[in-house]
PDB file of N, CA and C in Angstrom:
ATOM      1  N   UNK A   1       1.309  -1.405   0.542  1.00  0.00           N
ATOM      2  CA  UNK A   1      -0.012  -0.247  -0.074  1.00  0.00           C
ATOM      3  C   UNK A   1       0.802   0.652  -0.028  1.00  0.00           C
ATOM      4  N   UNK A   2       0.439   2.176  -0.236  1.00  0.00           N
ATOM      5  CA  UNK A   2       1.377   3.525  -1.136  1.00  0.00           C
ATOM      6  C   UNK A   2      -0.043   4.439  -0.761  1.00  0.00           C
ATOM      7  N   UNK A   3       0.642   6.054   0.076  1.00  0.00           N
ATOM      8  CA  UNK A   3       0.301   6.899  -0.047  1.00  0.00           C
ATOM      9  C   UNK A   3      -0.201   7.948  -1.317  1.00  0.00           C
ATOM     10  N   UNK A   4      -1.326   8.140  -1.970  1.00  0.00           N
ATOM     11  CA  UNK A   4      -1.420   8.877  -3.111  1.00  0.00           C
ATOM     12  C   UNK A   4      -1.845   7.700  -4.321  1.00  0.00           C
ATOM     13  N   UNK A   5       0.074   7.312  -4.863  1.00  0.00           N
ATOM     14  CA  UNK A   5       0.630   6.504  -5.703  1.00  0.00           C
ATOM     15  C   UNK A   5       1.965   6.281  -5.603  1.00  0.00           C
ATOM     16  N   UNK A   6       2.383   5.552  -6.834  1.00  0.00           N
ATOM     17  CA  UNK A   6       3.349   4.436  -6.250  1.00  0.00           C
ATOM     18  C   UNK A   6       4.202   5.173  -7.016  1.00  0.00           C
ATOM     19  N   UNK A   7       5.917   5.209  -6.858  1.00  0.00           N
ATOM     20  CA  UNK A   7       6.563   6.333  -7.967  1.00  0.00           C
ATOM     21  C   UNK A   7       6.102   5.160  -9.719  1.00  0.00           C
ATOM     22  N   UNK A   8       6.612   6.464 -10.009  1.00  0.00           N
ATOM     23  CA  UNK A   8       6.005   5.846 -12.033  1.00  0.00           C
ATOM     24  C   UNK A   8       7.779   4.921 -11.839  1.00  0.00           C
ATOM     25  N   UNK A   9       6.791   3.461 -12.719  1.00  0.00           N
ATOM     26  CA  UNK A   9       7.305   1.729 -13.098  1.00  0.00           C
ATOM     27  C   UNK A   9       7.503   1.333 -11.813  1.00  0.00           C
ATOM     28  N   UNK A  10       6.887   2.149  -9.700  1.00  0.00           N
ATOM     29  CA  UNK A  10       7.586   0.683  -9.275  1.00  0.00           C
ATOM     30  C   UNK A  10       6.170   0.135  -8.901  1.00  0.00           C
ATOM     31  N   UNK A  11       5.307   0.500  -9.595  1.00  0.00           N
ATOM     32  CA  UNK A  11       3.844   0.293  -8.915  1.00  0.00           C
ATOM     33  C   UNK A  11       4.148  -1.825  -8.878  1.00  0.00           C
ATOM     34  N   UNK A  12       3.697  -2.302  -8.251  1.00  0.00           N
ATOM     35  CA  UNK A  12       3.418  -3.615  -7.760  1.00  0.00           C
ATOM     36  C   UNK A  12       2.054  -4.441  -9.197  1.00  0.00           C
ATOM     37  N   UNK A  13       2.431  -5.660  -9.539  1.00  0.00           N
ATOM     38  CA  UNK A  13       1.425  -6.237 -10.178  1.00  0.00           C
ATOM     39  C   UNK A  13      -0.283  -5.736  -9.177  1.00  0.00           C
ATOM     40  N   UNK A  14      -1.563  -6.261  -9.547  1.00  0.00           N
ATOM     41  CA  UNK A  14      -2.336  -6.036  -9.484  1.00  0.00           C
ATOM     42  C   UNK A  14      -2.465  -7.654  -8.332  1.00  0.00           C
ATOM     43  N   UNK A  15      -3.662  -7.461  -7.858  1.00  0.00           N
ATOM     44  CA  UNK A  15      -4.121  -6.147  -7.122  1.00  0.00           C
ATOM     45  C   UNK A  15      -3.435  -5.655  -5.293  1.00  0.00           C
ATOM     46  N   UNK A  16      -3.542  -3.934  -6.244  1.00  0.00           N
ATOM     47  CA  UNK A  16      -2.890  -2.823  -4.978  1.00  0.00           C
ATOM     48  C   UNK A  16      -3.681  -2.378  -4.691  1.00  0.00           C
ATOM     49  N   UNK A  17      -2.954  -1.232  -3.498  1.00  0.00           N
ATOM     50  CA  UNK A  17      -3.901  -0.302  -2.912  1.00  0.00           C
ATOM     51  C   UNK A  17      -3.136   0.808  -2.558  1.00  0.00           C
ATOM     52  N   UNK A  18      -3.636   2.240  -2.736  1.00  0.00           N
ATOM     53  CA  UNK A  18      -3.347   3.415  -2.145  1.00  0.00           C
ATOM     54  C   UNK A  18      -3.969   4.497  -1.664  1.00  0.00           C
ATOM     55  N   UNK A  19      -3.707   5.266  -0.839  1.00  0.00           N
ATOM     56  CA  UNK A  19      -4.905   5.815   0.274  1.00  0.00           C
ATOM     57  C   UNK A  19      -4.170   6.887   0.173  1.00  0.00           C
ATOM     58  N   UNK A  20      -4.914   8.240   0.386  1.00  0.00           N
ATOM     59  CA  UNK A  20      -4.655   8.982   0.882  1.00  0.00           C
ATOM     60  C   UNK A  20      -6.237  10.342   1.278  1.00  0.00           C
ATOM     61  N   UNK A  21      -5.642  11.650   2.051  1.00  0.00           N
ATOM     62  CA  UNK A  21      -6.776  12.244   2.895  1.00  0.00           C
ATOM     63  C   UNK A  21      -7.596  12.876   2.078  1.00  0.00           C
ATOM     64  N   UNK A  22      -8.540  13.198   2.797  1.00  0.00           N
ATOM     65  CA  UNK A  22      -9.220  14.342   2.378  1.00  0.00           C
ATOM     66  C   UNK A  22      -9.705  15.028   3.019  1.00  0.00           C
ATOM     67  N   UNK A  23     -10.864  15.617   2.948  1.00  0.00           N
ATOM     68  CA  UNK A  23     -11.411  16.899   3.844  1.00  0.00           C
ATOM     69  C   UNK A  23     -10.777  16.197   5.413  1.00  0.00           C
ATOM     70  N   UNK A  24     -10.841  16.672   6.318  1.00  0.00           N
ATOM     71  CA  UNK A  24     -11.030  16.652   7.770  1.00  0.00           C
ATOM     72  C   UNK A  24     -12.549  17.273   8.316  1.00  0.00           C
ATOM     73  N   UNK A  25     -13.415  16.178   8.858  1.00  0.00           N
ATOM     74  CA  UNK A  25     -14.443  16.516   9.396  1.00  0.00           C
ATOM     75  C   UNK A  25     -14.580  17.300  10.984  1.00  0.00           C
ATOM     76  N   UNK A  26     -14.515  18.433  10.870  1.00  0.00           N
ATOM     77  CA  UNK A  26     -14.349  19.246  12.368  1.00  0.00           C
ATOM     78  C   UNK A  26     -16.038  19.697  12.367  1.00  0.00           C
ATOM     79  N   UNK A  27     -16.093  19.521  14.089  1.00  0.00           N
ATOM     80  CA  UNK A  27     -17.272  19.529  14.587  1.00  0.00           C
ATOM     81  C   UNK A  27     -16.780  20.451  15.515  1.00  0.00           C
ATOM     82  N   UNK A  28     -18.088  22.026  15.443  1.00  0.00           N
ATOM     83  CA  UNK A  28     -17.774  23.426  16.338  1.00  0.00           C
ATOM     84  C   UNK A  28     -18.244  23.402  17.213  1.00  0.00           C
ATOM     85  N   UNK A  29     -17.528  23.984  18.853  1.00  0.00           N
ATOM     86  CA  UNK A  29     -18.441  23.765  20.003  1.00  0.00           C
ATOM     87  C   UNK A  29     -17.540  25.522  20.545  1.00  0.00           C
ATOM     88  N   UNK A  30     -18.078  26.425  20.383  1.00  0.00           N
ATOM     89  CA  UNK A  30     -18.017  27.136  21.450  1.00  0.00           C
ATOM     90  C   UNK A  30     -17.282  28.337  20.260  1.00  0.00           C
ATOM     91  N   UNK A  31     -16.748  27.973  19.081  1.00  0.00           N
ATOM     92  CA  UNK A  31     -15.933  28.598  18.056  1.00  0.00           C
ATOM     93  C   UNK A  31     -14.845  27.788  17.505  1.00  0.00           C
ATOM     94  N   UNK A  32     -14.703  27.136  18.917  1.00  0.00           N
ATOM     95  CA  UNK A  32     -13.485  26.066  18.461  1.00  0.00           C
ATOM     96  C   UNK A  32     -13.452  24.895  17.770  1.00  0.00           C
ATOM     97  N   UNK A  33     -12.829  23.687  17.414  1.00  0.00           N
ATOM     98  CA  UNK A  33     -12.846  22.705  17.092  1.00  0.00           C
ATOM     99  C   UNK A  33     -13.097  22.000  18.146  1.00  0.00           C
ATOM    100  N   UNK A  34     -14.053  21.366  18.336  1.00  0.00           N
ATOM    101  CA  UNK A  34     -14.343  20.517  19.740  1.00  0.00           C
ATOM    102  C   UNK A  34     -14.303  19.105  19.300  1.00  0.00           C
ATOM    103  N   UNK A  35     -14.509  18.482  17.648  1.00  0.00           N
ATOM    104  CA  UNK A  35     -14.244  16.694  17.990  1.00  0.00           C
ATOM    105  C   UNK A  35     -13.807  17.079  15.934  1.00  0.00           C
ATOM    106  N   UNK A  36     -12.628  16.592  16.081  1.00  0.00           N
ATOM    107  CA  UNK A  36     -11.899  16.666  14.246  1.00  0.00           C
ATOM    108  C   UNK A  36     -11.828  14.408  13.832  1.00  0.00           C
ATOM    109  N   UNK A  37     -12.573  14.784  12.548  1.00  0.00           N
ATOM    110  CA  UNK A  37     -12.310  13.268  11.828  1.00  0.00           C
ATOM    111  C   UNK A  37     -11.474  13.843  10.635  1.00  0.00           C
ATOM    112  N   UNK A  38     -10.894  13.076  10.204  1.00  0.00           N
ATOM    113  CA  UNK A  38      -9.829  12.859   9.050  1.00  0.00           C
ATOM    114  C   UNK A  38     -10.676  12.107   7.977  1.00  0.00           C
ATOM    115  N   UNK A  39     -11.026  11.945   6.916  1.00  0.00           N
ATOM    116  CA  UNK A  39     -11.621  11.214   5.774  1.00  0.00           C
ATOM    117  C   UNK A  39     -10.429  10.629   5.273  1.00  0.00           C
ATOM    118  N   UNK A  40     -10.838   9.400   4.997  1.00  0.00           N
ATOM    119  CA  UNK A  40      -9.535   8.766   3.831  1.00  0.00           C
ATOM    120  C   UNK A  40     -10.145   8.372   2.626  1.00  0.00           C
ATOM    121  N   UNK A  41      -9.406   8.009   1.589  1.00  0.00           N
ATOM    122  CA  UNK A  41     -10.334   6.859   0.122  1.00  0.00           C
ATOM    123  C   UNK A  41      -8.856   5.884   0.487  1.00  0.00           C
ATOM    124  N   UNK A  42      -9.306   4.854  -0.313  1.00  0.00           N
ATOM    125  CA  UNK A  42      -8.874   3.609  -0.194  1.00  0.00           C
ATOM    126  C   UNK A  42      -9.170   2.832  -1.244  1.00  0.00           C
ATOM    127  N   UNK A  43      -8.128   2.769  -2.768  1.00  0.00           N
ATOM    128  CA  UNK A  43      -8.268   2.686  -3.440  1.00  0.00           C
ATOM    129  C   UNK A  43      -7.287   1.607  -4.128  1.00  0.00           C
ATOM    130  N   UNK A  44      -8.784  -0.190  -4.415  1.00  0.00           N
ATOM    131  CA  UNK A  44      -8.235  -0.908  -4.862  1.00  0.00           C
ATOM    132  C   UNK A  44      -7.945  -1.073  -6.058  1.00  0.00           C
ATOM    133  N   UNK A  45      -6.883  -1.637  -6.732  1.00  0.00           N
ATOM    134  CA  UNK A  45      -6.638  -1.743  -8.192  1.00  0.00           C
ATOM    135  C   UNK A  45      -6.512  -3.020  -8.600  1.00  0.00           C
ATOM    136  N   UNK A  46      -7.330  -3.638  -9.267  1.00  0.00           N
ATOM    137  CA  UNK A  46      -6.876  -5.267  -9.380  1.00  0.00           C
ATOM    138  C   UNK A  46      -7.450  -5.059 -11.362  1.00  0.00           C
ATOM    139  N   UNK A  47      -6.756  -6.319 -12.025  1.00  0.00           N
ATOM    140  CA  UNK A  47      -7.080  -6.214 -13.722  1.00  0.00           C
ATOM    141  C   UNK A  47      -8.092  -6.727 -13.638  1.00  0.00           C
ATOM    142  N   UNK A  48      -9.022  -7.742 -13.321  1.00  0.00           N
ATOM    143  CA  UNK A  48     -10.534  -8.287 -13.195  1.00  0.00           C
ATOM    144  C   UNK A  48     -11.009  -8.052 -11.624  1.00  0.00           C
ATOM    145  N   UNK A  49     -12.591  -8.252 -12.375  1.00  0.00           N
ATOM    146  CA  UNK A  49     -13.143  -8.610 -10.980  1.00  0.00           C
ATOM    147  C   UNK A  49     -13.131  -9.370  -9.865  1.00  0.00           C
ATOM    148  N   UNK A  50     -12.803  -8.475  -8.846  1.00  0.00           N
ATOM    149  CA  UNK A  50     -12.213  -9.388  -7.356  1.00  0.00           C
ATOM    150  C   UNK A  50     -12.968  -9.301  -6.016  1.00  0.00           C
ATOM    151  N   UNK A  51     -13.837 -10.142  -6.267  1.00  0.00           N
ATOM    152  CA  UNK A  51     -14.982  -9.661  -5.117  1.00  0.00           C
ATOM    153  C   UNK A  51     -14.494 -10.439  -3.578  1.00  0.00           C
ATOM    154  N   UNK A  52     -13.544 -12.074  -3.954  1.00  0.00           N
ATOM    155  CA  UNK A  52     -12.622 -12.253  -2.682  1.00  0.00           C
ATOM    156  C   UNK A  52     -11.596 -10.956  -2.042  1.00  0.00           C
ATOM    157  N   UNK A  53     -11.119 -10.397  -2.837  1.00  0.00           N
ATOM    158  CA  UNK A  53     -10.085  -9.205  -2.731  1.00  0.00           C
ATOM    159  C   UNK A  53     -10.794  -8.244  -1.787  1.00  0.00           C
ATOM    160  N   UNK A  54     -11.718  -7.526  -2.691  1.00  0.00           N
ATOM    161  CA  UNK A  54     -12.828  -6.437  -1.797  1.00  0.00           C
ATOM    162  C   UNK A  54     -13.373  -7.592  -0.796  1.00  0.00           C
ATOM    163  N   UNK A  55     -13.562  -8.364  -0.266  1.00  0.00           N
ATOM    164  CA  UNK A  55     -14.676  -8.645   0.792  1.00  0.00           C
ATOM    165  C   UNK A  55     -13.146  -8.891   1.673  1.00  0.00           C
ATOM    166  N   UNK A  56     -11.927  -9.800   1.585  1.00  0.00           N
ATOM    167  CA  UNK A  56     -11.028  -8.947   2.093  1.00  0.00           C
ATOM    168  C   UNK A  56     -10.162  -7.656   2.874  1.00  0.00           C
ATOM    169  N   UNK A  57     -10.714  -6.683   2.343  1.00  0.00           N
ATOM    170  CA  UNK A  57     -10.482  -5.434   2.400  1.00  0.00           C
ATOM    171  C   UNK A  57     -11.870  -4.841   3.248  1.00  0.00           C
ATOM    172  N   UNK A  58     -13.235  -5.241   2.704  1.00  0.00           N
ATOM    173  CA  UNK A  58     -13.704  -4.892   4.090  1.00  0.00           C
ATOM    174  C   UNK A  58     -14.746  -5.377   5.203  1.00  0.00           C
ATOM    175  N   UNK A  59     -14.046  -6.477   5.683  1.00  0.00           N
ATOM    176  CA  UNK A  59     -13.625  -7.626   6.510  1.00  0.00           C
ATOM    177  C   UNK A  59     -12.211  -6.878   7.560  1.00  0.00           C
ATOM    178  N   UNK A  60     -11.245  -6.912   6.930  1.00  0.00           N
ATOM    179  CA  UNK A  60     -10.094  -5.576   7.989  1.00  0.00           C
ATOM    180  C   UNK A  60     -11.170  -4.299   8.005  1.00  0.00           C
ATOM    181  N   UNK A  61     -11.975  -3.609   7.409  1.00  0.00           N
ATOM    182  CA  UNK A  61     -12.740  -2.037   7.774  1.00  0.00           C
ATOM    183  C   UNK A  61     -13.061  -2.500   8.722  1.00  0.00           C
ATOM    184  N   UNK A  62     -14.499  -3.371   8.865  1.00  0.00           N
ATOM    185  CA  UNK A  62     -15.210  -3.388   9.971  1.00  0.00           C
ATOM    186  C   UNK A  62     -14.740  -4.175  10.161  1.00  0.00           C
ATOM    187  N   UNK A  63     -13.374  -5.025  10.751  1.00  0.00           N
ATOM    188  CA  UNK A  63     -13.419  -5.547  12.077  1.00  0.00           C
ATOM    189  C   UNK A  63     -12.460  -4.606  13.134  1.00  0.00           C
ATOM    190  N   UNK A  64     -11.794  -3.344  12.105  1.00  0.00           N
ATOM    191  CA  UNK A  64     -11.669  -2.406  12.976  1.00  0.00           C
ATOM    192  C   UNK A  64     -12.481  -1.222  13.771  1.00  0.00           C
ATOM    193  N   UNK A  65     -13.580  -1.628  13.096  1.00  0.00           N
ATOM    194  CA  UNK A  65     -14.774  -1.176  13.560  1.00  0.00           C
ATOM    195  C   UNK A  65     -14.523   0.442  12.792  1.00  0.00           C
ATOM    196  N   UNK A  66     -14.605   0.618  11.069  1.00  0.00           N
ATOM    197  CA  UNK A  66     -14.630   1.550  10.410  1.00  0.00           C
ATOM    198  C   UNK A  66     -15.674   1.600  10.160  1.00  0.00           C
ATOM    199  N   UNK A  67     -16.193   2.141   9.490  1.00  0.00           N
ATOM    200  CA  UNK A  67     -17.461   2.983   8.505  1.00  0.00           C
ATOM    201  C   UNK A  67     -17.487   2.624   7.346  1.00  0.00           C
ATOM    202  N   UNK A  68     -17.825   1.978   6.224  1.00  0.00           N
ATOM    203  CA  UNK A  68     -17.044   2.379   5.194  1.00  0.00           C
ATOM    204  C   UNK A  68     -18.568   2.389   3.875  1.00  0.00           C
ATOM    205  N   UNK A  69     -17.992   3.557   3.274  1.00  0.00           N
ATOM    206  CA  UNK A  69     -18.404   3.323   1.626  1.00  0.00           C
ATOM    207  C   UNK A  69     -18.023   2.685   0.598  1.00  0.00           C
ATOM    208  N   UNK A  70     -18.397   2.589  -0.417  1.00  0.00           N
ATOM    209  CA  UNK A  70     -17.893   1.701  -1.713  1.00  0.00           C
ATOM    210  C   UNK A  70     -18.136   2.423  -2.581  1.00  0.00           C
ATOM    211  N   UNK A  71     -17.093   2.581  -4.237  1.00  0.00           N
ATOM    212  CA  UNK A  71     -17.798   2.497  -5.251  1.00  0.00           C
ATOM    213  C   UNK A  71     -16.902   1.915  -6.291  1.00  0.00           C
ATOM    214  N   UNK A  72     -17.446   2.405  -7.808  1.00  0.00           N
ATOM    215  CA  UNK A  72     -16.511   1.197  -8.266  1.00  0.00           C
ATOM    216  C   UNK A  72     -16.596   2.117  -9.523  1.00  0.00           C
ATOM    217  N   UNK A  73     -15.259   1.933  -9.947  1.00  0.00           N
ATOM    218  CA  UNK A  73     -15.161   2.003 -11.694  1.00  0.00           C
ATOM    219  C   UNK A  73     -13.949   1.321 -12.771  1.00  0.00           C
ATOM    220  N   UNK A  74     -14.490   1.261 -13.795  1.00  0.00           N
ATOM    221  CA  UNK A  74     -12.974   1.020 -14.584  1.00  0.00           C
ATOM    222  C   UNK A  74     -12.480   2.033 -15.334  1.00  0.00           C
ATOM    223  N   UNK A  75     -11.119   2.009 -15.402  1.00  0.00           N
ATOM    224  CA  UNK A  75     -10.919   2.605 -15.777  1.00  0.00           C
ATOM    225  C   UNK A  75      -9.831   1.945 -17.395  1.00  0.00           C
ATOM    226  N   UNK A  76     -10.561   2.767 -18.270  1.00  0.00           N
ATOM    227  CA  UNK A  76     -11.081   2.063 -19.488  1.00  0.00           C
ATOM    228  C   UNK A  76      -8.713   2.128 -20.553  1.00  0.00           C
ATOM    229  N   UNK A  77      -7.703   3.175 -19.707  1.00  0.00           N
ATOM    230  CA  UNK A  77      -6.865   3.338 -20.459  1.00  0.00           C
ATOM    231  C   UNK A  77      -5.684   1.973 -19.351  1.00  0.00           C
ATOM    232  N   UNK A  78      -6.327   1.907 -18.283  1.00  0.00           N
ATOM    233  CA  UNK A  78      -5.170   0.990 -17.949  1.00  0.00           C
ATOM    234  C   UNK A  78      -5.388  -0.736 -18.093  1.00  0.00           C
ATOM    235  N   UNK A  79      -6.803  -0.176 -18.234  1.00  0.00           N
ATOM    236  CA  UNK A  79      -7.526  -1.789 -18.310  1.00  0.00           C
ATOM    237  C   UNK A  79      -7.251  -2.028 -16.873  1.00  0.00           C
ATOM    238  N   UNK A  80      -8.377  -1.415 -15.827  1.00  0.00           N
ATOM    239  CA  UNK A  80      -7.770  -1.735 -14.503  1.00  0.00           C
ATOM    240  C   UNK A  80      -9.175  -2.166 -13.774  1.00  0.00           C
ATOM    241  N   UNK A  81      -9.782  -2.507 -12.633  1.00  0.00           N
ATOM    242  CA  UNK A  81     -11.288  -2.084 -11.652  1.00  0.00           C
ATOM    243  C   UNK A  81     -10.873  -1.145 -11.233  1.00  0.00           C
ATOM    244  N   UNK A  82     -11.495  -0.390 -10.605  1.00  0.00           N
ATOM    245  CA  UNK A  82     -10.606   0.646  -9.281  1.00  0.00           C
ATOM    246  C   UNK A  82     -11.501   0.546  -8.484  1.00  0.00           C
ATOM    247  N   UNK A  83     -11.506   0.523  -7.415  1.00  0.00           N
ATOM    248  CA  UNK A  83     -12.727   0.176  -5.842  1.00  0.00           C
ATOM    249  C   UNK A  83     -12.372   1.001  -5.577  1.00  0.00           C
ATOM    250  N   UNK A  84     -13.481   2.285  -4.623  1.00  0.00           N
ATOM    251  CA  UNK A  84     -13.310   2.905  -3.897  1.00  0.00           C
ATOM    252  C   UNK A  84     -14.057   3.013  -2.351  1.00  0.00           C
ATOM    253  N   UNK A  85     -12.986   2.798  -1.513  1.00  0.00           N
ATOM    254  CA  UNK A  85     -13.574   2.951  -0.197  1.00  0.00           C
ATOM    255  C   UNK A  85     -13.513   4.574   0.036  1.00  0.00           C
ATOM    256  N   UNK A  86     -14.376   5.045   0.967  1.00  0.00           N
ATOM    257  CA  UNK A  86     -14.828   6.247   2.256  1.00  0.00           C
ATOM    258  C   UNK A  86     -14.059   6.133   3.058  1.00  0.00           C
ATOM    259  N   UNK A  87     -13.556   6.307   4.069  1.00  0.00           N
ATOM    260  CA  UNK A  87     -13.343   6.158   5.484  1.00  0.00           C
ATOM    261  C   UNK A  87     -13.692   7.485   6.168  1.00  0.00           C
ATOM    262  N   UNK A  88     -13.911   7.483   7.247  1.00  0.00           N
ATOM    263  CA  UNK A  88     -13.706   8.702   8.461  1.00  0.00           C
ATOM    264  C   UNK A  88     -12.917   7.817   9.822  1.00  0.00           C
ATOM    265  N   UNK A  89     -12.008   8.081   9.866  1.00  0.00           N
ATOM    266  CA  UNK A  89     -10.585   7.868  11.455  1.00  0.00           C
ATOM    267  C   UNK A  89     -10.861   9.316  12.090  1.00  0.00           C
TER     268      UNK A  89
END
């Protein structure tokens, strides 16, 4: 797993993941940050649809007590499936 991207020419063969931080979700009280949660995106890349690999990621997130949402797309130029998980911790 790498943060945001792999170095040019150094990505492993699929399946592989990257992750990156998104927007912070702050809750304010009395004009200051009372509670802060960080949003992250985890992207799983595969050559073909791999429900078993997706289930592995989903079980790990669920076991850690992390709520997740999921989306998916196909990247034609790379001939890869991209599964996108959004989490907040």
